[in-house]
Amino acid sequence: MSPFLARIREKVGGDLLVLPSVSAFVFDDEGRLLLARHGDVGLWAAPGGGVDPDERPEDAVVRELREELGIDIEVRGLFGVYGGPDFRVVYPNGHQVSYVIAAYGCAVAPGSGLPVPDGVEINDFRWVFERETSELSMTAWSPQVLPQAYAWWREHAR
């Protein structure tokens, strides 16, 4: 949790907050998507996180991947902004959040190396083809966004 969000939580407790966030849909040259297992809920999803005050969403997605998986990414494009009931989360500590997620198509930056989970927010990762996503226990919102992410990659792959 960012210091900014921690200060808000001190005031509102676990009450529902609507928060801007970002997700990186990072594809490799084979068309596999980088998914991360989130330590707080144990579910798979594209990596990402909250946008800090005065931070550009595109900068936030780069920062989040560096913090959570130790990799640098190239943002190739915004393919959607999502929200609604499937994007509401109640965390184990009782905090409620309704996320509005900016979804970016990305690639690993040349020379970045392999992802390494931070062991706090992310405790595992894998590269998956679209047909393999149904085998994973995923966040409620992932099935809404993943087909559009793979479609974006097919259209923009270089």
C-alpha atoms as a PDB file:
ATOM      1  CA  MET A   1       0.000   0.000   0.000  1.00  0.00           C
ATOM      2  CA  SER A   2       1.382   3.404  -0.966  1.00  0.00           C
ATOM      3  CA  PRO A   3       1.931   6.018   1.758  1.00  0.00           C
ATOM      4  CA  PHE A   4      -0.813   8.133   0.157  1.00  0.00           C
ATOM      5  CA  LEU A   5      -3.344   5.299   0.343  1.00  0.00           C
ATOM      6  CA  ALA A   6      -2.236   4.429   3.885  1.00  0.00           C
ATOM      7  CA  ARG A   7      -3.075   7.990   4.982  1.00  0.00           C
ATOM      8  CA  ILE A   8      -6.520   7.736   3.393  1.00  0.00           C
ATOM      9  CA  ARG A   9      -7.112   4.371   5.066  1.00  0.00           C
ATOM     10  CA  GLU A  10      -6.249   5.934   8.440  1.00  0.00           C
ATOM     11  CA  LYS A  11      -9.203   8.273   7.894  1.00  0.00           C
ATOM     12  CA  VAL A  12     -11.785   6.007   6.249  1.00  0.00           C
ATOM     13  CA  GLY A  13     -10.796   2.590   7.536  1.00  0.00           C
ATOM     14  CA  GLY A  14     -11.873  -0.273   5.311  1.00  0.00           C
ATOM     15  CA  ASP A  15     -14.754   1.604   3.650  1.00  0.00           C
ATOM     16  CA  LEU A  16     -15.130   1.382  -0.110  1.00  0.00           C
ATOM     17  CA  LEU A  17     -12.730   3.494  -2.167  1.00  0.00           C
ATOM     18  CA  VAL A  18     -12.781   3.941  -5.939  1.00  0.00           C
ATOM     19  CA  LEU A  19      -9.144   3.902  -7.042  1.00  0.00           C
ATOM     20  CA  PRO A  20      -7.398   4.541 -10.357  1.00  0.00           C
ATOM     21  CA  SER A  21      -5.070   1.718 -11.295  1.00  0.00           C
ATOM     22  CA  VAL A  22      -3.078   0.266 -14.168  1.00  0.00           C
ATOM     23  CA  SER A  23      -2.345  -3.204 -15.502  1.00  0.00           C
ATOM     24  CA  ALA A  24       0.461  -4.254 -17.832  1.00  0.00           C
ATOM     25  CA  PHE A  25      -0.445  -6.886 -20.402  1.00  0.00           C
ATOM     26  CA  VAL A  26       3.122  -7.844 -21.293  1.00  0.00           C
ATOM     27  CA  PHE A  27       3.505 -10.150 -24.300  1.00  0.00           C
ATOM     28  CA  ASP A  28       6.549 -12.036 -25.521  1.00  0.00           C
ATOM     29  CA  ASP A  29       7.407 -12.701 -29.170  1.00  0.00           C
ATOM     30  CA  GLU A  30       5.454 -15.989 -29.096  1.00  0.00           C
ATOM     31  CA  GLY A  31       2.219 -14.306 -28.011  1.00  0.00           C
ATOM     32  CA  ARG A  32       2.381 -15.464 -24.412  1.00  0.00           C
ATOM     33  CA  LEU A  33       1.115 -13.112 -21.720  1.00  0.00           C
ATOM     34  CA  LEU A  34       2.921 -12.478 -18.450  1.00  0.00           C
ATOM     35  CA  LEU A  35       0.601 -13.259 -15.543  1.00  0.00           C
ATOM     36  CA  ALA A  36       1.396 -12.833 -11.871  1.00  0.00           C
ATOM     37  CA  ARG A  37       0.030 -14.547  -8.772  1.00  0.00           C
ATOM     38  CA  HIS A  38      -0.887 -11.830  -6.322  1.00  0.00           C
ATOM     39  CA  GLY A  39       0.215 -12.680  -2.781  1.00  0.00           C
ATOM     40  CA  ASP A  40      -2.628 -10.965  -0.931  1.00  0.00           C
ATOM     41  CA  VAL A  41      -5.410 -12.945  -2.623  1.00  0.00           C
ATOM     42  CA  GLY A  42      -3.523 -15.852  -4.259  1.00  0.00           C
ATOM     43  CA  LEU A  43      -5.139 -15.209  -7.653  1.00  0.00           C
ATOM     44  CA  TRP A  44      -3.586 -14.776 -11.087  1.00  0.00           C
ATOM     45  CA  ALA A  45      -3.896 -11.540 -13.068  1.00  0.00           C
ATOM     46  CA  ALA A  46      -1.878  -9.162 -15.166  1.00  0.00           C
ATOM     47  CA  PRO A  47       0.559  -7.270 -12.920  1.00  0.00           C
ATOM     48  CA  GLY A  48      -0.109  -3.662 -12.051  1.00  0.00           C
ATOM     49  CA  GLY A  49      -1.248  -1.430  -9.237  1.00  0.00           C
ATOM     50  CA  GLY A  50      -2.385   1.955  -8.090  1.00  0.00           C
ATOM     51  CA  VAL A  51      -1.672   5.317  -9.653  1.00  0.00           C
ATOM     52  CA  ASP A  52      -0.015   7.700  -7.196  1.00  0.00           C
ATOM     53  CA  PRO A  53      -1.065  11.371  -6.893  1.00  0.00           C
ATOM     54  CA  ASP A  54       0.159  13.419  -9.880  1.00  0.00           C
ATOM     55  CA  GLU A  55       1.553  10.293 -11.582  1.00  0.00           C
ATOM     56  CA  ARG A  56       0.806   9.649 -15.231  1.00  0.00           C
ATOM     57  CA  PRO A  57      -0.870   6.236 -15.629  1.00  0.00           C
ATOM     58  CA  GLU A  58       1.712   5.212 -18.237  1.00  0.00           C
ATOM     59  CA  ASP A  59       4.492   5.986 -15.758  1.00  0.00           C
ATOM     60  CA  ALA A  60       2.627   4.073 -13.033  1.00  0.00           C
ATOM     61  CA  VAL A  61       2.477   0.885 -15.100  1.00  0.00           C
ATOM     62  CA  VAL A  62       6.238   1.049 -15.756  1.00  0.00           C
ATOM     63  CA  ARG A  63       6.933   1.678 -12.049  1.00  0.00           C
ATOM     64  CA  GLU A  64       4.671  -1.161 -10.903  1.00  0.00           C
ATOM     65  CA  LEU A  65       6.397  -3.755 -13.105  1.00  0.00           C
ATOM     66  CA  ARG A  66       9.795  -2.612 -11.889  1.00  0.00           C
ATOM     67  CA  GLU A  67       8.669  -2.811  -8.229  1.00  0.00           C
ATOM     68  CA  GLU A  68       6.735  -6.084  -8.415  1.00  0.00           C
ATOM     69  CA  LEU A  69       8.749  -8.122 -10.929  1.00  0.00           C
ATOM     70  CA  GLY A  70      12.045  -6.260 -11.349  1.00  0.00           C
ATOM     71  CA  ILE A  71      11.650  -5.775 -15.106  1.00  0.00           C
ATOM     72  CA  ASP A  72      11.551  -2.781 -17.390  1.00  0.00           C
ATOM     73  CA  ILE A  73       8.786  -2.660 -19.952  1.00  0.00           C
ATOM     74  CA  GLU A  74       7.929  -0.746 -23.090  1.00  0.00           C
ATOM     75  CA  VAL A  75       4.363   0.516 -23.164  1.00  0.00           C
ATOM     76  CA  ARG A  76       2.998  -0.086 -26.669  1.00  0.00           C
ATOM     77  CA  GLY A  77      -0.524   1.237 -26.216  1.00  0.00           C
ATOM     78  CA  LEU A  78      -3.635   1.662 -24.117  1.00  0.00           C
ATOM     79  CA  PHE A  79      -6.277  -0.829 -25.198  1.00  0.00           C
ATOM     80  CA  GLY A  80      -9.016  -0.192 -22.648  1.00  0.00           C
ATOM     81  CA  VAL A  81     -10.240   1.253 -19.375  1.00  0.00           C
ATOM     82  CA  TYR A  82     -12.338  -1.033 -17.199  1.00  0.00           C
ATOM     83  CA  GLY A  83     -14.431  -0.915 -14.057  1.00  0.00           C
ATOM     84  CA  GLY A  84     -17.671  -2.191 -12.593  1.00  0.00           C
ATOM     85  CA  PRO A  85     -18.820  -4.905 -10.197  1.00  0.00           C
ATOM     86  CA  ASP A  86     -16.169  -7.451 -11.263  1.00  0.00           C
ATOM     87  CA  PHE A  87     -13.468  -4.915 -10.386  1.00  0.00           C
ATOM     88  CA  ARG A  88     -14.503  -4.642  -6.732  1.00  0.00           C
ATOM     89  CA  VAL A  89     -12.205  -6.354  -4.242  1.00  0.00           C
ATOM     90  CA  VAL A  90     -12.511  -7.025  -0.535  1.00  0.00           C
ATOM     91  CA  TYR A  91      -9.037  -7.739   0.806  1.00  0.00           C
ATOM     92  CA  PRO A  92      -8.325 -10.157   3.677  1.00  0.00           C
ATOM     93  CA  ASN A  93      -7.919  -7.158   6.027  1.00  0.00           C
ATOM     94  CA  GLY A  94     -11.469  -6.000   5.152  1.00  0.00           C
ATOM     95  CA  HIS A  95     -10.459  -3.067   2.952  1.00  0.00           C
ATOM     96  CA  GLN A  96     -12.877  -2.576   0.054  1.00  0.00           C
ATOM     97  CA  VAL A  97     -11.761  -1.184  -3.306  1.00  0.00           C
ATOM     98  CA  SER A  98     -13.516  -0.633  -6.602  1.00  0.00           C
ATOM     99  CA  TYR A  99     -10.774  -0.348  -9.205  1.00  0.00           C
ATOM    100  CA  VAL A 100     -10.874   1.558 -12.477  1.00  0.00           C
ATOM    101  CA  ILE A 101      -8.097  -0.052 -14.492  1.00  0.00           C
ATOM    102  CA  ALA A 102      -6.223   1.399 -17.460  1.00  0.00           C
ATOM    103  CA  ALA A 103      -5.001  -1.637 -19.428  1.00  0.00           C
ATOM    104  CA  TYR A 104      -1.781  -1.269 -21.414  1.00  0.00           C
ATOM    105  CA  GLY A 105      -0.315  -3.577 -24.026  1.00  0.00           C
ATOM    106  CA  CYS A 106       3.406  -3.918 -23.312  1.00  0.00           C
ATOM    107  CA  ALA A 107       6.619  -5.778 -24.073  1.00  0.00           C
ATOM    108  CA  VAL A 108       9.684  -6.452 -21.940  1.00  0.00           C
ATOM    109  CA  ALA A 109      12.330  -3.829 -22.679  1.00  0.00           C
ATOM    110  CA  PRO A 110      15.471  -5.154 -24.393  1.00  0.00           C
ATOM    111  CA  GLY A 111      18.117  -6.167 -21.861  1.00  0.00           C
ATOM    112  CA  SER A 112      15.680  -6.157 -18.940  1.00  0.00           C
ATOM    113  CA  GLY A 113      16.267  -9.746 -17.874  1.00  0.00           C
ATOM    114  CA  LEU A 114      13.854 -12.245 -16.379  1.00  0.00           C
ATOM    115  CA  PRO A 115      11.009 -11.336 -14.024  1.00  0.00           C
ATOM    116  CA  VAL A 116      11.704 -11.867 -10.322  1.00  0.00           C
ATOM    117  CA  PRO A 117       8.655 -11.672  -8.018  1.00  0.00           C
ATOM    118  CA  ASP A 118       9.059  -9.257  -5.111  1.00  0.00           C
ATOM    119  CA  GLY A 119       7.685 -11.899  -2.706  1.00  0.00           C
ATOM    120  CA  VAL A 120       5.278  -9.399  -1.166  1.00  0.00           C
ATOM    121  CA  GLU A 121       2.770  -8.258  -3.765  1.00  0.00           C
ATOM    122  CA  ILE A 122       3.692 -10.934  -6.307  1.00  0.00           C
ATOM    123  CA  ASN A 123       4.799 -14.436  -5.362  1.00  0.00           C
ATOM    124  CA  ASP A 124       4.884 -16.187  -8.745  1.00  0.00           C
ATOM    125  CA  PHE A 125       4.672 -15.509 -12.475  1.00  0.00           C
ATOM    126  CA  ARG A 126       4.259 -17.422 -15.697  1.00  0.00           C
ATOM    127  CA  TRP A 127       3.965 -16.824 -19.422  1.00  0.00           C
ATOM    128  CA  VAL A 128       0.710 -18.216 -20.846  1.00  0.00           C
ATOM    129  CA  PHE A 129      -0.978 -18.643 -24.182  1.00  0.00           C
ATOM    130  CA  GLU A 130      -4.640 -17.639 -24.324  1.00  0.00           C
ATOM    131  CA  ARG A 131      -5.852 -21.245 -24.255  1.00  0.00           C
ATOM    132  CA  GLU A 132      -3.972 -21.810 -20.950  1.00  0.00           C
ATOM    133  CA  THR A 133      -5.647 -19.012 -18.988  1.00  0.00           C
ATOM    134  CA  SER A 134      -8.728 -21.117 -18.184  1.00  0.00           C
ATOM    135  CA  GLU A 135      -6.503 -23.451 -16.128  1.00  0.00           C
ATOM    136  CA  LEU A 136      -5.612 -20.692 -13.642  1.00  0.00           C
ATOM    137  CA  SER A 137      -7.506 -19.381 -10.636  1.00  0.00           C
ATOM    138  CA  MET A 138      -7.886 -15.764 -11.719  1.00  0.00           C
ATOM    139  CA  THR A 139      -9.347 -12.497 -10.470  1.00  0.00           C
ATOM    140  CA  ALA A 140     -13.023 -11.891 -11.291  1.00  0.00           C
ATOM    141  CA  TRP A 141     -12.103  -9.193 -13.794  1.00  0.00           C
ATOM    142  CA  SER A 142      -9.488 -11.134 -15.762  1.00  0.00           C
ATOM    143  CA  PRO A 143     -11.916 -13.081 -18.003  1.00  0.00           C
ATOM    144  CA  GLN A 144     -13.447  -9.754 -19.098  1.00  0.00           C
ATOM    145  CA  VAL A 145     -10.156  -8.197 -20.107  1.00  0.00           C
ATOM    146  CA  LEU A 146      -7.955 -11.094 -21.285  1.00  0.00           C
ATOM    147  CA  PRO A 147      -9.740 -11.730 -24.616  1.00  0.00           C
ATOM    148  CA  GLN A 148      -9.338  -8.043 -25.494  1.00  0.00           C
ATOM    149  CA  ALA A 149      -5.676  -8.117 -24.441  1.00  0.00           C
ATOM    150  CA  TYR A 150      -4.890 -11.090 -26.676  1.00  0.00           C
ATOM    151  CA  ALA A 151      -6.867  -9.508 -29.544  1.00  0.00           C
ATOM    152  CA  TRP A 152      -4.834  -6.319 -29.088  1.00  0.00           C
ATOM    153  CA  TRP A 153      -1.596  -8.312 -29.244  1.00  0.00           C
ATOM    154  CA  ARG A 154      -2.647 -10.167 -32.416  1.00  0.00           C
ATOM    155  CA  GLU A 155      -3.405  -6.824 -34.075  1.00  0.00           C
ATOM    156  CA  HIS A 156      -0.244  -5.040 -32.885  1.00  0.00           C
ATOM    157  CA  ALA A 157       2.415  -7.795 -32.729  1.00  0.00           C
ATOM    158  CA  ARG A 158       5.630  -6.813 -34.459  1.00  0.00           C
END
